[in-house]
Amino acid sequence: EVMRILESKSIPYELVDISVGNEVREEMRS
């Protein structure tokens, strides 16, 4: 839903997949 709404409003965004490693998940949480 977030992706759909951003796209419908023509708002560019970058996806960051936290499943690639614990460091990325911890970065998001921090």
mmCIF file of all heavy atoms, coordinates in Angstrom:
data_MODEL
# 
_entry.id   MODEL 
# 
loop_
_atom_site.group_PDB 
_atom_site.id 
_atom_site.type_symbol 
_atom_site.label_atom_id 
_atom_site.label_alt_id 
_atom_site.label_comp_id 
_atom_site.label_asym_id 
_atom_site.label_entity_id 
_atom_site.label_seq_id 
_atom_site.pdbx_PDB_ins_code 
_atom_site.Cartn_x 
_atom_site.Cartn_y 
_atom_site.Cartn_z 
_atom_site.occupancy 
_atom_site.B_iso_or_equiv 
_atom_site.pdbx_formal_charge 
_atom_site.auth_seq_id 
_atom_site.auth_comp_id 
_atom_site.auth_asym_id 
_atom_site.auth_atom_id 
_atom_site.pdbx_PDB_model_num 
ATOM 1   N N   . GLU A 1 1  ? 0.828  -1.212  0.000   1.00 0.00 ? 1  GLU A N   1 
ATOM 2   C CA  . GLU A 1 1  ? 0.000  0.000   0.000   1.00 0.00 ? 1  GLU A CA  1 
ATOM 3   C C   . GLU A 1 1  ? 0.857  1.255   0.000   1.00 0.00 ? 1  GLU A C   1 
ATOM 4   O O   . GLU A 1 1  ? 0.571  2.210   -0.728  1.00 0.00 ? 1  GLU A O   1 
ATOM 5   C CB  . GLU A 1 1  ? -0.952 0.013   1.200   1.00 0.00 ? 1  GLU A CB  1 
ATOM 6   C CG  . GLU A 1 1  ? -1.885 1.202   1.140   1.00 0.00 ? 1  GLU A CG  1 
ATOM 7   C CD  . GLU A 1 1  ? -2.953 1.192   2.217   1.00 0.00 ? 1  GLU A CD  1 
ATOM 8   O OE1 . GLU A 1 1  ? -3.138 0.176   2.910   1.00 0.00 ? 1  GLU A OE1 1 
ATOM 9   O OE2 . GLU A 1 1  ? -3.605 2.240   2.362   1.00 0.00 ? 1  GLU A OE2 1 
ATOM 10  N N   . VAL A 1 2  ? 1.922  1.288   0.795   1.00 0.00 ? 2  VAL A N   1 
ATOM 11  C CA  . VAL A 1 2  ? 2.813  2.451   0.820   1.00 0.00 ? 2  VAL A CA  1 
ATOM 12  C C   . VAL A 1 2  ? 3.410  2.667   -0.571  1.00 0.00 ? 2  VAL A C   1 
ATOM 13  O O   . VAL A 1 2  ? 3.407  3.788   -1.099  1.00 0.00 ? 2  VAL A O   1 
ATOM 14  C CB  . VAL A 1 2  ? 3.929  2.301   1.881   1.00 0.00 ? 2  VAL A CB  1 
ATOM 15  C CG1 . VAL A 1 2  ? 4.971  3.404   1.734   1.00 0.00 ? 2  VAL A CG1 1 
ATOM 16  C CG2 . VAL A 1 2  ? 3.342  2.310   3.289   1.00 0.00 ? 2  VAL A CG2 1 
ATOM 17  N N   . MET A 1 3  ? 3.898  1.589   -1.195  1.00 0.00 ? 3  MET A N   1 
ATOM 18  C CA  . MET A 1 3  ? 4.485  1.700   -2.537  1.00 0.00 ? 3  MET A CA  1 
ATOM 19  C C   . MET A 1 3  ? 3.458  2.206   -3.541  1.00 0.00 ? 3  MET A C   1 
ATOM 20  O O   . MET A 1 3  ? 3.751  3.080   -4.357  1.00 0.00 ? 3  MET A O   1 
ATOM 21  C CB  . MET A 1 3  ? 5.037  0.343   -2.989  1.00 0.00 ? 3  MET A CB  1 
ATOM 22  C CG  . MET A 1 3  ? 6.277  -0.096  -2.251  1.00 0.00 ? 3  MET A CG  1 
ATOM 23  S SD  . MET A 1 3  ? 6.828  -1.714  -2.870  1.00 0.00 ? 3  MET A SD  1 
ATOM 24  C CE  . MET A 1 3  ? 7.456  -2.446  -1.374  1.00 0.00 ? 3  MET A CE  1 
ATOM 25  N N   . ARG A 1 4  ? 2.252  1.662   -3.483  1.00 0.00 ? 4  ARG A N   1 
ATOM 26  C CA  . ARG A 1 4  ? 1.196  2.064   -4.415  1.00 0.00 ? 4  ARG A CA  1 
ATOM 27  C C   . ARG A 1 4  ? 0.868  3.545   -4.266  1.00 0.00 ? 4  ARG A C   1 
ATOM 28  O O   . ARG A 1 4  ? 0.740  4.275   -5.258  1.00 0.00 ? 4  ARG A O   1 
ATOM 29  C CB  . ARG A 1 4  ? -0.057 1.212   -4.171  1.00 0.00 ? 4  ARG A CB  1 
ATOM 30  C CG  . ARG A 1 4  ? -1.196 1.510   -5.121  1.00 0.00 ? 4  ARG A CG  1 
ATOM 31  C CD  . ARG A 1 4  ? -2.456 0.717   -4.783  1.00 0.00 ? 4  ARG A CD  1 
ATOM 32  N NE  . ARG A 1 4  ? -2.925 0.918   -3.419  1.00 0.00 ? 4  ARG A NE  1 
ATOM 33  C CZ  . ARG A 1 4  ? -3.587 2.008   -2.997  1.00 0.00 ? 4  ARG A CZ  1 
ATOM 34  N NH1 . ARG A 1 4  ? -3.831 3.005   -3.826  1.00 0.00 ? 4  ARG A NH1 1 
ATOM 35  N NH2 . ARG A 1 4  ? -4.004 2.099   -1.753  1.00 0.00 ? 4  ARG A NH2 1 
ATOM 36  N N   . ILE A 1 5  ? 0.755  4.013   -3.037  1.00 0.00 ? 5  ILE A N   1 
ATOM 37  C CA  . ILE A 1 5  ? 0.408  5.424   -2.799  1.00 0.00 ? 5  ILE A CA  1 
ATOM 38  C C   . ILE A 1 5  ? 1.546  6.339   -3.257  1.00 0.00 ? 5  ILE A C   1 
ATOM 39  O O   . ILE A 1 5  ? 1.304  7.362   -3.905  1.00 0.00 ? 5  ILE A O   1 
ATOM 40  C CB  . ILE A 1 5  ? 0.039  5.658   -1.321  1.00 0.00 ? 5  ILE A CB  1 
ATOM 41  C CG1 . ILE A 1 5  ? -1.301 4.961   -1.027  1.00 0.00 ? 5  ILE A CG1 1 
ATOM 42  C CG2 . ILE A 1 5  ? -0.029 7.148   -0.997  1.00 0.00 ? 5  ILE A CG2 1 
ATOM 43  C CD1 . ILE A 1 5  ? -1.665 4.861   0.431   1.00 0.00 ? 5  ILE A CD1 1 
ATOM 44  N N   . LEU A 1 6  ? 2.794  5.980   -2.939  1.00 0.00 ? 6  LEU A N   1 
ATOM 45  C CA  . LEU A 1 6  ? 3.928  6.800   -3.377  1.00 0.00 ? 6  LEU A CA  1 
ATOM 46  C C   . LEU A 1 6  ? 3.949  6.883   -4.906  1.00 0.00 ? 6  LEU A C   1 
ATOM 47  O O   . LEU A 1 6  ? 4.149  7.961   -5.474  1.00 0.00 ? 6  LEU A O   1 
ATOM 48  C CB  . LEU A 1 6  ? 5.249  6.241   -2.846  1.00 0.00 ? 6  LEU A CB  1 
ATOM 49  C CG  . LEU A 1 6  ? 5.477  6.359   -1.337  1.00 0.00 ? 6  LEU A CG  1 
ATOM 50  C CD1 . LEU A 1 6  ? 6.749  5.630   -0.935  1.00 0.00 ? 6  LEU A CD1 1 
ATOM 51  C CD2 . LEU A 1 6  ? 5.527  7.812   -0.893  1.00 0.00 ? 6  LEU A CD2 1 
ATOM 52  N N   . GLU A 1 7  ? 3.735  5.750   -5.557  1.00 0.00 ? 7  GLU A N   1 
ATOM 53  C CA  . GLU A 1 7  ? 3.731  5.728   -7.028  1.00 0.00 ? 7  GLU A CA  1 
ATOM 54  C C   . GLU A 1 7  ? 2.568  6.545   -7.586  1.00 0.00 ? 7  GLU A C   1 
ATOM 55  O O   . GLU A 1 7  ? 2.731  7.282   -8.560  1.00 0.00 ? 7  GLU A O   1 
ATOM 56  C CB  . GLU A 1 7  ? 3.696  4.289   -7.534  1.00 0.00 ? 7  GLU A CB  1 
ATOM 57  C CG  . GLU A 1 7  ? 5.032  3.593   -7.326  1.00 0.00 ? 7  GLU A CG  1 
ATOM 58  C CD  . GLU A 1 7  ? 4.980  2.079   -7.474  1.00 0.00 ? 7  GLU A CD  1 
ATOM 59  O OE1 . GLU A 1 7  ? 3.939  1.535   -7.906  1.00 0.00 ? 7  GLU A OE1 1 
ATOM 60  O OE2 . GLU A 1 7  ? 5.988  1.440   -7.137  1.00 0.00 ? 7  GLU A OE2 1 
ATOM 61  N N   . SER A 1 8  ? 1.401  6.446   -6.966  1.00 0.00 ? 8  SER A N   1 
ATOM 62  C CA  . SER A 1 8  ? 0.233  7.182   -7.467  1.00 0.00 ? 8  SER A CA  1 
ATOM 63  C C   . SER A 1 8  ? 0.423  8.686   -7.328  1.00 0.00 ? 8  SER A C   1 
ATOM 64  O O   . SER A 1 8  ? -0.161 9.457   -8.082  1.00 0.00 ? 8  SER A O   1 
ATOM 65  C CB  . SER A 1 8  ? -1.046 6.740   -6.746  1.00 0.00 ? 8  SER A CB  1 
ATOM 66  O OG  . SER A 1 8  ? -1.090 7.261   -5.431  1.00 0.00 ? 8  SER A OG  1 
ATOM 67  N N   . LYS A 1 9  ? 1.249  9.102   -6.380  1.00 0.00 ? 9  LYS A N   1 
ATOM 68  C CA  . LYS A 1 9  ? 1.524  10.525  -6.176  1.00 0.00 ? 9  LYS A CA  1 
ATOM 69  C C   . LYS A 1 9  ? 2.803  10.949  -6.893  1.00 0.00 ? 9  LYS A C   1 
ATOM 70  O O   . LYS A 1 9  ? 3.282  12.058  -6.703  1.00 0.00 ? 9  LYS A O   1 
ATOM 71  C CB  . LYS A 1 9  ? 1.617  10.835  -4.676  1.00 0.00 ? 9  LYS A CB  1 
ATOM 72  C CG  . LYS A 1 9  ? 0.295  10.642  -3.944  1.00 0.00 ? 9  LYS A CG  1 
ATOM 73  C CD  . LYS A 1 9  ? 0.389  11.083  -2.507  1.00 0.00 ? 9  LYS A CD  1 
ATOM 74  C CE  . LYS A 1 9  ? -0.949 10.989  -1.801  1.00 0.00 ? 9  LYS A CE  1 
ATOM 75  N NZ  . LYS A 1 9  ? -1.943 11.935  -2.295  1.00 0.00 ? 9  LYS A NZ  1 
ATOM 76  N N   . SER A 1 10 ? 3.374  10.039  -7.690  1.00 0.00 ? 10 SER A N   1 
ATOM 77  C CA  . SER A 1 10 ? 4.615  10.298  -8.438  1.00 0.00 ? 10 SER A CA  1 
ATOM 78  C C   . SER A 1 10 ? 5.752  10.756  -7.529  1.00 0.00 ? 10 SER A C   1 
ATOM 79  O O   . SER A 1 10 ? 6.517  11.658  -7.877  1.00 0.00 ? 10 SER A O   1 
ATOM 80  C CB  . SER A 1 10 ? 4.368  11.329  -9.550  1.00 0.00 ? 10 SER A CB  1 
ATOM 81  O OG  . SER A 1 10 ? 3.404  10.837  -10.450 1.00 0.00 ? 10 SER A OG  1 
ATOM 82  N N   . ILE A 1 11 ? 5.842  10.128  -6.362  1.00 0.00 ? 11 ILE A N   1 
ATOM 83  C CA  . ILE A 1 11 ? 6.920  10.435  -5.421  1.00 0.00 ? 11 ILE A CA  1 
ATOM 84  C C   . ILE A 1 11 ? 7.993  9.359   -5.586  1.00 0.00 ? 11 ILE A C   1 
ATOM 85  O O   . ILE A 1 11 ? 7.744  8.183   -5.305  1.00 0.00 ? 11 ILE A O   1 
ATOM 86  C CB  . ILE A 1 11 ? 6.404  10.458  -3.968  1.00 0.00 ? 11 ILE A CB  1 
ATOM 87  C CG1 . ILE A 1 11 ? 5.360  11.571  -3.814  1.00 0.00 ? 11 ILE A CG1 1 
ATOM 88  C CG2 . ILE A 1 11 ? 7.564  10.648  -2.985  1.00 0.00 ? 11 ILE A CG2 1 
ATOM 89  C CD1 . ILE A 1 11 ? 4.621  11.557  -2.490  1.00 0.00 ? 11 ILE A CD1 1 
ATOM 90  N N   . PRO A 1 12 ? 9.176  9.748   -6.067  1.00 0.00 ? 12 PRO A N   1 
ATOM 91  C CA  . PRO A 1 12 ? 10.239 8.751   -6.221  1.00 0.00 ? 12 PRO A CA  1 
ATOM 92  C C   . PRO A 1 12 ? 10.713 8.274   -4.851  1.00 0.00 ? 12 PRO A C   1 
ATOM 93  O O   . PRO A 1 12 ? 10.752 9.040   -3.888  1.00 0.00 ? 12 PRO A O   1 
ATOM 94  C CB  . PRO A 1 12 ? 11.342 9.503   -6.964  1.00 0.00 ? 12 PRO A CB  1 
ATOM 95  C CG  . PRO A 1 12 ? 11.060 10.945  -6.745  1.00 0.00 ? 12 PRO A CG  1 
ATOM 96  C CD  . PRO A 1 12 ? 9.591  11.081  -6.452  1.00 0.00 ? 12 PRO A CD  1 
ATOM 97  N N   . TYR A 1 13 ? 11.053 6.984   -4.783  1.00 0.00 ? 13 TYR A N   1 
ATOM 98  C CA  . TYR A 1 13 ? 11.528 6.436   -3.511  1.00 0.00 ? 13 TYR A CA  1 
ATOM 99  C C   . TYR A 1 13 ? 12.523 5.322   -3.787  1.00 0.00 ? 13 TYR A C   1 
ATOM 100 O O   . TYR A 1 13 ? 12.555 4.739   -4.863  1.00 0.00 ? 13 TYR A O   1 
ATOM 101 C CB  . TYR A 1 13 ? 10.369 5.930   -2.655  1.00 0.00 ? 13 TYR A CB  1 
ATOM 102 C CG  . TYR A 1 13 ? 9.570  4.809   -3.281  1.00 0.00 ? 13 TYR A CG  1 
ATOM 103 C CD1 . TYR A 1 13 ? 9.856  3.476   -2.989  1.00 0.00 ? 13 TYR A CD1 1 
ATOM 104 C CD2 . TYR A 1 13 ? 8.528  5.078   -4.168  1.00 0.00 ? 13 TYR A CD2 1 
ATOM 105 C CE1 . TYR A 1 13 ? 9.126  2.456   -3.570  1.00 0.00 ? 13 TYR A CE1 1 
ATOM 106 C CE2 . TYR A 1 13 ? 7.800  4.059   -4.747  1.00 0.00 ? 13 TYR A CE2 1 
ATOM 107 C CZ  . TYR A 1 13 ? 8.096  2.748   -4.439  1.00 0.00 ? 13 TYR A CZ  1 
ATOM 108 O OH  . TYR A 1 13 ? 7.378  1.735   -5.010  1.00 0.00 ? 13 TYR A OH  1 
ATOM 109 N N   . GLU A 1 14 ? 13.333 5.073   -2.768  1.00 0.00 ? 14 GLU A N   1 
ATOM 110 C CA  . GLU A 1 14 ? 14.330 4.005   -2.829  1.00 0.00 ? 14 GLU A CA  1 
ATOM 111 C C   . GLU A 1 14 ? 13.891 2.909   -1.872  1.00 0.00 ? 14 GLU A C   1 
ATOM 112 O O   . GLU A 1 14 ? 13.511 3.187   -0.732  1.00 0.00 ? 14 GLU A O   1 
ATOM 113 C CB  . GLU A 1 14 ? 15.686 4.569   -2.401  1.00 0.00 ? 14 GLU A CB  1 
ATOM 114 C CG  . GLU A 1 14 ? 16.780 3.541   -2.279  1.00 0.00 ? 14 GLU A CG  1 
ATOM 115 C CD  . GLU A 1 14 ? 18.064 4.111   -1.674  1.00 0.00 ? 14 GLU A CD  1 
ATOM 116 O OE1 . GLU A 1 14 ? 18.193 5.344   -1.568  1.00 0.00 ? 14 GLU A OE1 1 
ATOM 117 O OE2 . GLU A 1 14 ? 18.921 3.303   -1.292  1.00 0.00 ? 14 GLU A OE2 1 
ATOM 118 N N   . LEU A 1 15 ? 13.944 1.667   -2.339  1.00 0.00 ? 15 LEU A N   1 
ATOM 119 C CA  . LEU A 1 15 ? 13.619 0.536   -1.476  1.00 0.00 ? 15 LEU A CA  1 
ATOM 120 C C   . LEU A 1 15 ? 14.885 0.034   -0.792  1.00 0.00 ? 15 LEU A C   1 
ATOM 121 O O   . LEU A 1 15 ? 15.925 -0.120  -1.434  1.00 0.00 ? 15 LEU A O   1 
ATOM 122 C CB  . LEU A 1 15 ? 13.018 -0.604  -2.301  1.00 0.00 ? 15 LEU A CB  1 
ATOM 123 C CG  . LEU A 1 15 ? 11.624 -0.350  -2.866  1.00 0.00 ? 15 LEU A CG  1 
ATOM 124 C CD1 . LEU A 1 15 ? 11.224 -1.474  -3.807  1.00 0.00 ? 15 LEU A CD1 1 
ATOM 125 C CD2 . LEU A 1 15 ? 10.609 -0.210  -1.748  1.00 0.00 ? 15 LEU A CD2 1 
ATOM 126 N N   . VAL A 1 16 ? 14.784 -0.224  0.512   1.00 0.00 ? 16 VAL A N   1 
ATOM 127 C CA  . VAL A 1 16 ? 15.896 -0.786  1.267   1.00 0.00 ? 16 VAL A CA  1 
ATOM 128 C C   . VAL A 1 16 ? 15.372 -2.067  1.917   1.00 0.00 ? 16 VAL A C   1 
ATOM 129 O O   . VAL A 1 16 ? 14.521 -2.023  2.805   1.00 0.00 ? 16 VAL A O   1 
ATOM 130 C CB  . VAL A 1 16 ? 16.414 0.194   2.349   1.00 0.00 ? 16 VAL A CB  1 
ATOM 131 C CG1 . VAL A 1 16 ? 17.588 -0.415  3.094   1.00 0.00 ? 16 VAL A CG1 1 
ATOM 132 C CG2 . VAL A 1 16 ? 16.799 1.525   1.725   1.00 0.00 ? 16 VAL A CG2 1 
ATOM 133 N N   . ASP A 1 17 ? 15.863 -3.208  1.442   1.00 0.00 ? 17 ASP A N   1 
ATOM 134 C CA  . ASP A 1 17 ? 15.386 -4.518  1.902   1.00 0.00 ? 17 ASP A CA  1 
ATOM 135 C C   . ASP A 1 17 ? 16.147 -4.937  3.156   1.00 0.00 ? 17 ASP A C   1 
ATOM 136 O O   . ASP A 1 17 ? 17.343 -5.202  3.105   1.00 0.00 ? 17 ASP A O   1 
ATOM 137 C CB  . ASP A 1 17 ? 15.582 -5.546  0.789   1.00 0.00 ? 17 ASP A CB  1 
ATOM 138 C CG  . ASP A 1 17 ? 14.987 -6.906  1.127   1.00 0.00 ? 17 ASP A CG  1 
ATOM 139 O OD1 . ASP A 1 17 ? 14.469 -7.084  2.260   1.00 0.00 ? 17 ASP A OD1 1 
ATOM 140 O OD2 . ASP A 1 17 ? 15.049 -7.786  0.261   1.00 0.00 ? 17 ASP A OD2 1 
ATOM 141 N N   . ILE A 1 18 ? 15.442 -5.003  4.292   1.00 0.00 ? 18 ILE A N   1 
ATOM 142 C CA  . ILE A 1 18 ? 16.107 -5.351  5.550   1.00 0.00 ? 18 ILE A CA  1 
ATOM 143 C C   . ILE A 1 18 ? 16.405 -6.851  5.659   1.00 0.00 ? 18 ILE A C   1 
ATOM 144 O O   . ILE A 1 18 ? 17.137 -7.261  6.544   1.00 0.00 ? 18 ILE A O   1 
ATOM 145 C CB  . ILE A 1 18 ? 15.312 -4.893  6.786   1.00 0.00 ? 18 ILE A CB  1 
ATOM 146 C CG1 . ILE A 1 18 ? 14.017 -5.683  6.939   1.00 0.00 ? 18 ILE A CG1 1 
ATOM 147 C CG2 . ILE A 1 18 ? 15.075 -3.394  6.756   1.00 0.00 ? 18 ILE A CG2 1 
ATOM 148 C CD1 . ILE A 1 18 ? 13.402 -5.592  8.317   1.00 0.00 ? 18 ILE A CD1 1 
ATOM 149 N N   . SER A 1 19 ? 15.859 -7.648  4.739   1.00 0.00 ? 19 SER A N   1 
ATOM 150 C CA  . SER A 1 19 ? 16.099 -9.096  4.828   1.00 0.00 ? 19 SER A CA  1 
ATOM 151 C C   . SER A 1 19 ? 17.491 -9.485  4.327   1.00 0.00 ? 19 SER A C   1 
ATOM 152 O O   . SER A 1 19 ? 17.890 -10.634 4.467   1.00 0.00 ? 19 SER A O   1 
ATOM 153 C CB  . SER A 1 19 ? 15.025 -9.872  4.058   1.00 0.00 ? 19 SER A CB  1 
ATOM 154 O OG  . SER A 1 19 ? 15.144 -9.648  2.672   1.00 0.00 ? 19 SER A OG  1 
ATOM 155 N N   . VAL A 1 20 ? 18.239 -8.525  3.765   1.00 0.00 ? 20 VAL A N   1 
ATOM 156 C CA  . VAL A 1 20 ? 19.579 -8.849  3.259   1.00 0.00 ? 20 VAL A CA  1 
ATOM 157 C C   . VAL A 1 20 ? 20.591 -9.037  4.389   1.00 0.00 ? 20 VAL A C   1 
ATOM 158 O O   . VAL A 1 20 ? 21.649 -9.606  4.167   1.00 0.00 ? 20 VAL A O   1 
ATOM 159 C CB  . VAL A 1 20 ? 20.113 -7.800  2.256   1.00 0.00 ? 20 VAL A CB  1 
ATOM 160 C CG1 . VAL A 1 20 ? 19.225 -7.729  1.029   1.00 0.00 ? 20 VAL A CG1 1 
ATOM 161 C CG2 . VAL A 1 20 ? 20.265 -6.443  2.892   1.00 0.00 ? 20 VAL A CG2 1 
ATOM 162 N N   . GLY A 1 21 ? 20.271 -8.564  5.587   1.00 0.00 ? 21 GLY A N   1 
ATOM 163 C CA  . GLY A 1 21 ? 21.196 -8.764  6.694   1.00 0.00 ? 21 GLY A CA  1 
ATOM 164 C C   . GLY A 1 21 ? 20.765 -8.034  7.948   1.00 0.00 ? 21 GLY A C   1 
ATOM 165 O O   . GLY A 1 21 ? 20.026 -7.053  7.892   1.00 0.00 ? 21 GLY A O   1 
ATOM 166 N N   . ASN A 1 22 ? 21.263 -8.531  9.082   1.00 0.00 ? 22 ASN A N   1 
ATOM 167 C CA  . ASN A 1 22 ? 20.928 -7.929  10.374  1.00 0.00 ? 22 ASN A CA  1 
ATOM 168 C C   . ASN A 1 22 ? 21.355 -6.472  10.458  1.00 0.00 ? 22 ASN A C   1 
ATOM 169 O O   . ASN A 1 22 ? 20.695 -5.670  11.118  1.00 0.00 ? 22 ASN A O   1 
ATOM 170 C CB  . ASN A 1 22 ? 21.573 -8.713  11.527  1.00 0.00 ? 22 ASN A CB  1 
ATOM 171 C CG  . ASN A 1 22 ? 20.793 -9.961  11.871  1.00 0.00 ? 22 ASN A CG  1 
ATOM 172 O OD1 . ASN A 1 22 ? 19.620 -10.085 11.516  1.00 0.00 ? 22 ASN A OD1 1 
ATOM 173 N ND2 . ASN A 1 22 ? 21.442 -10.878 12.567  1.00 0.00 ? 22 ASN A ND2 1 
ATOM 174 N N   . GLU A 1 23 ? 22.477 -6.130  9.786   1.00 0.00 ? 23 GLU A N   1 
ATOM 175 C CA  . GLU A 1 23 ? 22.983 -4.759  9.870   1.00 0.00 ? 23 GLU A CA  1 
ATOM 176 C C   . GLU A 1 23 ? 21.942 -3.777  9.339   1.00 0.00 ? 23 GLU A C   1 
ATOM 177 O O   . GLU A 1 23 ? 21.752 -2.691  9.899   1.00 0.00 ? 23 GLU A O   1 
ATOM 178 C CB  . GLU A 1 23 ? 24.275 -4.555  9.066   1.00 0.00 ? 23 GLU A CB  1 
ATOM 179 C CG  . GLU A 1 23 ? 25.282 -5.672  9.074   1.00 0.00 ? 23 GLU A CG  1 
ATOM 180 C CD  . GLU A 1 23 ? 24.919 -6.854  8.170   1.00 0.00 ? 23 GLU A CD  1 
ATOM 181 O OE1 . GLU A 1 23 ? 24.559 -6.671  6.989   1.00 0.00 ? 23 GLU A OE1 1 
ATOM 182 O OE2 . GLU A 1 23 ? 24.995 -7.982  8.669   1.00 0.00 ? 23 GLU A OE2 1 
ATOM 183 N N   . VAL A 1 24 ? 21.290 -4.139  8.250   1.00 0.00 ? 24 VAL A N   1 
ATOM 184 C CA  . VAL A 1 24 ? 20.309 -3.239  7.631   1.00 0.00 ? 24 VAL A CA  1 
ATOM 185 C C   . VAL A 1 24 ? 19.090 -3.099  8.537   1.00 0.00 ? 24 VAL A C   1 
ATOM 186 O O   . VAL A 1 24 ? 18.558 -1.999  8.724   1.00 0.00 ? 24 VAL A O   1 
ATOM 187 C CB  . VAL A 1 24 ? 19.903 -3.726  6.220   1.00 0.00 ? 24 VAL A CB  1 
ATOM 188 C CG1 . VAL A 1 24 ? 18.927 -2.764  5.571   1.00 0.00 ? 24 VAL A CG1 1 
ATOM 189 C CG2 . VAL A 1 24 ? 21.127 -3.898  5.343   1.00 0.00 ? 24 VAL A CG2 1 
ATOM 190 N N   . ARG A 1 25 ? 18.636 -4.207  9.132   1.00 0.00 ? 25 ARG A N   1 
ATOM 191 C CA  . ARG A 1 25 ? 17.496 -4.152  10.058  1.00 0.00 ? 25 ARG A CA  1 
ATOM 192 C C   . ARG A 1 25 ? 17.837 -3.285  11.264  1.00 0.00 ? 25 ARG A C   1 
ATOM 193 O O   . ARG A 1 25 ? 17.044 -2.438  11.691  1.00 0.00 ? 25 ARG A O   1 
ATOM 194 C CB  . ARG A 1 25 ? 17.066 -5.550  10.499  1.00 0.00 ? 25 ARG A CB  1 
ATOM 195 C CG  . ARG A 1 25 ? 15.823 -5.512  11.399  1.00 0.00 ? 25 ARG A CG  1 
ATOM 196 C CD  . ARG A 1 25 ? 15.316 -6.883  11.796  1.00 0.00 ? 25 ARG A CD  1 
ATOM 197 N NE  . ARG A 1 25 ? 16.298 -7.582  12.598  1.00 0.00 ? 25 ARG A NE  1 
ATOM 198 C CZ  . ARG A 1 25 ? 16.838 -8.758  12.280  1.00 0.00 ? 25 ARG A CZ  1 
ATOM 199 N NH1 . ARG A 1 25 ? 16.483 -9.356  11.162  1.00 0.00 ? 25 ARG A NH1 1 
ATOM 200 N NH2 . ARG A 1 25 ? 17.708 -9.327  13.066  1.00 0.00 ? 25 ARG A NH2 1 
ATOM 201 N N   . GLU A 1 26 ? 19.036 -3.478  11.810  1.00 0.00 ? 26 GLU A N   1 
ATOM 202 C CA  . GLU A 1 26 ? 19.451 -2.693  12.973  1.00 0.00 ? 26 GLU A CA  1 
ATOM 203 C C   . GLU A 1 26 ? 19.607 -1.218  12.615  1.00 0.00 ? 26 GLU A C   1 
ATOM 204 O O   . GLU A 1 26 ? 19.297 -0.344  13.422  1.00 0.00 ? 26 GLU A O   1 
ATOM 205 C CB  . GLU A 1 26 ? 20.740 -3.252  13.572  1.00 0.00 ? 26 GLU A CB  1 
ATOM 206 C CG  . GLU A 1 26 ? 20.569 -4.646  14.191  1.00 0.00 ? 26 GLU A CG  1 
ATOM 207 C CD  . GLU A 1 26 ? 19.381 -4.739  15.153  1.00 0.00 ? 26 GLU A CD  1 
ATOM 208 O OE1 . GLU A 1 26 ? 19.202 -3.835  15.998  1.00 0.00 ? 26 GLU A OE1 1 
ATOM 209 O OE2 . GLU A 1 26 ? 18.612 -5.724  15.055  1.00 0.00 ? 26 GLU A OE2 1 
ATOM 210 N N   . GLU A 1 27 ? 20.084 -0.938  11.396  1.00 0.00 ? 27 GLU A N   1 
ATOM 211 C CA  . GLU A 1 27 ? 20.190 0.450   10.924  1.00 0.00 ? 27 GLU A CA  1 
ATOM 212 C C   . GLU A 1 27 ? 18.808 1.096   10.891  1.00 0.00 ? 27 GLU A C   1 
ATOM 213 O O   . GLU A 1 27 ? 18.624 2.219   11.359  1.00 0.00 ? 27 GLU A O   1 
ATOM 214 C CB  . GLU A 1 27 ? 20.809 0.459   9.528   1.00 0.00 ? 27 GLU A CB  1 
ATOM 215 C CG  . GLU A 1 27 ? 20.787 1.800   8.823   1.00 0.00 ? 27 GLU A CG  1 
ATOM 216 C CD  . GLU A 1 27 ? 21.234 1.669   7.372   1.00 0.00 ? 27 GLU A CD  1 
ATOM 217 O OE1 . GLU A 1 27 ? 22.376 1.212   7.133   1.00 0.00 ? 27 GLU A OE1 1 
ATOM 218 O OE2 . GLU A 1 27 ? 20.441 2.015   6.481   1.00 0.00 ? 27 GLU A OE2 1 
ATOM 219 N N   . MET A 1 28 ? 17.812 0.378   10.350  1.00 0.00 ? 28 MET A N   1 
ATOM 220 C CA  . MET A 1 28 ? 16.445 0.885   10.295  1.00 0.00 ? 28 MET A CA  1 
ATOM 221 C C   . MET A 1 28 ? 15.930 1.174   11.698  1.00 0.00 ? 28 MET A C   1 
ATOM 222 O O   . MET A 1 28 ? 15.384 2.247   11.963  1.00 0.00 ? 28 MET A O   1 
ATOM 223 C CB  . MET A 1 28 ? 15.519 -0.131  9.610   1.00 0.00 ? 28 MET A CB  1 
ATOM 224 C CG  . MET A 1 28 ? 14.046 0.244   9.632   1.00 0.00 ? 28 MET A CG  1 
ATOM 225 S SD  . MET A 1 28 ? 12.932 -1.120  9.201   1.00 0.00 ? 28 MET A SD  1 
ATOM 226 C CE  . MET A 1 28 ? 12.977 -2.109  10.704  1.00 0.00 ? 28 MET A CE  1 
ATOM 227 N N   . ARG A 1 29 ? 16.124 0.240   12.611  1.00 0.00 ? 29 ARG A N   1 
ATOM 228 C CA  . ARG A 1 29 ? 15.619 0.398   13.977  1.00 0.00 ? 29 ARG A CA  1 
ATOM 229 C C   . ARG A 1 29 ? 16.330 1.537   14.699  1.00 0.00 ? 29 ARG A C   1 
ATOM 230 O O   . ARG A 1 29 ? 15.697 2.297   15.431  1.00 0.00 ? 29 ARG A O   1 
ATOM 231 C CB  . ARG A 1 29 ? 15.779 -0.920  14.741  1.00 0.00 ? 29 ARG A CB  1 
ATOM 232 C CG  . ARG A 1 29 ? 14.814 -1.973  14.242  1.00 0.00 ? 29 ARG A CG  1 
ATOM 233 C CD  . ARG A 1 29 ? 14.994 -3.299  14.909  1.00 0.00 ? 29 ARG A CD  1 
ATOM 234 N NE  . ARG A 1 29 ? 13.890 -4.192  14.551  1.00 0.00 ? 29 ARG A NE  1 
ATOM 235 C CZ  . ARG A 1 29 ? 13.860 -5.466  14.837  1.00 0.00 ? 29 ARG A CZ  1 
ATOM 236 N NH1 . ARG A 1 29 ? 14.870 -6.036  15.489  1.00 0.00 ? 29 ARG A NH1 1 
ATOM 237 N NH2 . ARG A 1 29 ? 12.828 -6.204  14.484  1.00 0.00 ? 29 ARG A NH2 1 
ATOM 238 N N   . SER A 1 30 ? 17.625 1.658   14.475  1.00 0.00 ? 30 SER A N   1 
ATOM 239 C CA  . SER A 1 30 ? 18.394 2.732   15.103  1.00 0.00 ? 30 SER A CA  1 
ATOM 240 C C   . SER A 1 30 ? 17.915 4.093   14.599  1.00 0.00 ? 30 SER A C   1 
ATOM 241 O O   . SER A 1 30 ? 17.668 5.013   15.384  1.00 0.00 ? 30 SER A O   1 
ATOM 242 C CB  . SER A 1 30 ? 19.879 2.538   14.799  1.00 0.00 ? 30 SER A CB  1 
ATOM 243 O OG  . SER A 1 30 ? 20.621 3.649   15.247  1.00 0.00 ? 30 SER A OG  1 
# 
